[in-house]
Amino acid sequence: MKDLKLPPLQRMWARCPHCGAKTVLYDNTAQCSGVHIKCTRGCKKEFELKIVNGKQVQ
């Protein structure tokens, strides 16, 4: 029982690191890297979404 998975308890917005606009929703159990997203609200720039331990890393 090393990796006990928590149920999703909280949903958060991933934000564009360039302009701060909200882009996509993720929950506190998310893990990802290598996902490239284009900001569709403010600056229109592309950035890599990295989520480690349920928190966005920039």
C-alpha atoms as a PDB file:
ATOM      1  CA  MET A   1       0.000   0.000   0.000  1.00  0.00           C
ATOM      2  CA  LYS A   2       2.734   2.481  -0.986  1.00  0.00           C
ATOM      3  CA  ASP A   3       0.820   4.554  -3.481  1.00  0.00           C
ATOM      4  CA  LEU A   4      -2.563   5.115  -1.931  1.00  0.00           C
ATOM      5  CA  LYS A   5      -4.632   7.074  -4.445  1.00  0.00           C
ATOM      6  CA  LEU A   6      -6.755   9.888  -3.082  1.00  0.00           C
ATOM      7  CA  PRO A   7     -10.206  10.588  -4.478  1.00  0.00           C
ATOM      8  CA  PRO A   8     -10.544  13.844  -6.409  1.00  0.00           C
ATOM      9  CA  LEU A   9     -11.525  16.377  -3.758  1.00  0.00           C
ATOM     10  CA  GLN A  10     -10.700  19.690  -5.384  1.00  0.00           C
ATOM     11  CA  ARG A  11     -10.781  21.052  -8.921  1.00  0.00           C
ATOM     12  CA  MET A  12      -8.404  23.841  -9.941  1.00  0.00           C
ATOM     13  CA  TRP A  13      -7.756  25.939 -13.039  1.00  0.00           C
ATOM     14  CA  ALA A  14      -4.469  25.624 -14.886  1.00  0.00           C
ATOM     15  CA  ARG A  15      -3.306  29.129 -15.740  1.00  0.00           C
ATOM     16  CA  CYS A  16      -1.265  30.456 -18.642  1.00  0.00           C
ATOM     17  CA  PRO A  17       2.225  31.317 -17.322  1.00  0.00           C
ATOM     18  CA  HIS A  18       2.447  34.273 -19.734  1.00  0.00           C
ATOM     19  CA  CYS A  19      -0.791  36.178 -19.111  1.00  0.00           C
ATOM     20  CA  GLY A  20      -2.433  34.346 -16.171  1.00  0.00           C
ATOM     21  CA  ALA A  21      -5.644  33.425 -18.003  1.00  0.00           C
ATOM     22  CA  LYS A  22      -7.520  30.294 -16.906  1.00  0.00           C
ATOM     23  CA  THR A  23      -7.110  27.519 -19.484  1.00  0.00           C
ATOM     24  CA  VAL A  24      -8.245  24.039 -18.354  1.00  0.00           C
ATOM     25  CA  LEU A  25      -9.608  22.384 -15.206  1.00  0.00           C
ATOM     26  CA  TYR A  26      -7.761  19.603 -13.383  1.00  0.00           C
ATOM     27  CA  ASP A  27      -8.250  17.888 -10.023  1.00  0.00           C
ATOM     28  CA  ASN A  28      -5.932  17.262  -7.077  1.00  0.00           C
ATOM     29  CA  THR A  29      -5.049  13.723  -8.260  1.00  0.00           C
ATOM     30  CA  ALA A  30      -3.739  14.860 -11.675  1.00  0.00           C
ATOM     31  CA  GLN A  31      -0.212  14.127 -12.930  1.00  0.00           C
ATOM     32  CA  CYS A  32       0.987  15.236 -16.360  1.00  0.00           C
ATOM     33  CA  SER A  33       3.864  16.568 -18.422  1.00  0.00           C
ATOM     34  CA  GLY A  34       4.417  16.949 -22.129  1.00  0.00           C
ATOM     35  CA  VAL A  35       0.948  18.381 -22.704  1.00  0.00           C
ATOM     36  CA  HIS A  36       1.139  21.537 -24.825  1.00  0.00           C
ATOM     37  CA  ILE A  37      -1.736  24.001 -24.628  1.00  0.00           C
ATOM     38  CA  LYS A  38      -2.376  27.188 -26.554  1.00  0.00           C
ATOM     39  CA  CYS A  39      -3.777  30.067 -24.511  1.00  0.00           C
ATOM     40  CA  THR A  40      -7.106  30.879 -26.142  1.00  0.00           C
ATOM     41  CA  ARG A  41      -7.991  33.881 -23.994  1.00  0.00           C
ATOM     42  CA  GLY A  42      -5.234  36.424 -23.506  1.00  0.00           C
ATOM     43  CA  CYS A  43      -1.889  36.103 -25.243  1.00  0.00           C
ATOM     44  CA  LYS A  44      -2.443  33.171 -27.672  1.00  0.00           C
ATOM     45  CA  LYS A  45       0.989  31.716 -26.761  1.00  0.00           C
ATOM     46  CA  GLU A  46       1.685  27.989 -26.421  1.00  0.00           C
ATOM     47  CA  PHE A  47       2.986  26.500 -23.169  1.00  0.00           C
ATOM     48  CA  GLU A  48       3.651  23.075 -21.658  1.00  0.00           C
ATOM     49  CA  LEU A  49       1.304  22.044 -18.866  1.00  0.00           C
ATOM     50  CA  LYS A  50       3.133  20.240 -16.044  1.00  0.00           C
ATOM     51  CA  ILE A  51       1.172  18.980 -13.038  1.00  0.00           C
ATOM     52  CA  VAL A  52       3.050  17.270 -10.192  1.00  0.00           C
ATOM     53  CA  ASN A  53       1.252  16.012  -7.075  1.00  0.00           C
ATOM     54  CA  GLY A  54      -1.918  17.866  -8.059  1.00  0.00           C
ATOM     55  CA  LYS A  55      -0.228  21.280  -8.452  1.00  0.00           C
ATOM     56  CA  GLN A  56       0.709  23.160 -11.612  1.00  0.00           C
ATOM     57  CA  VAL A  57       4.484  23.589 -11.999  1.00  0.00           C
ATOM     58  CA  GLN A  58       5.825  26.385 -14.184  1.00  0.00           C
END
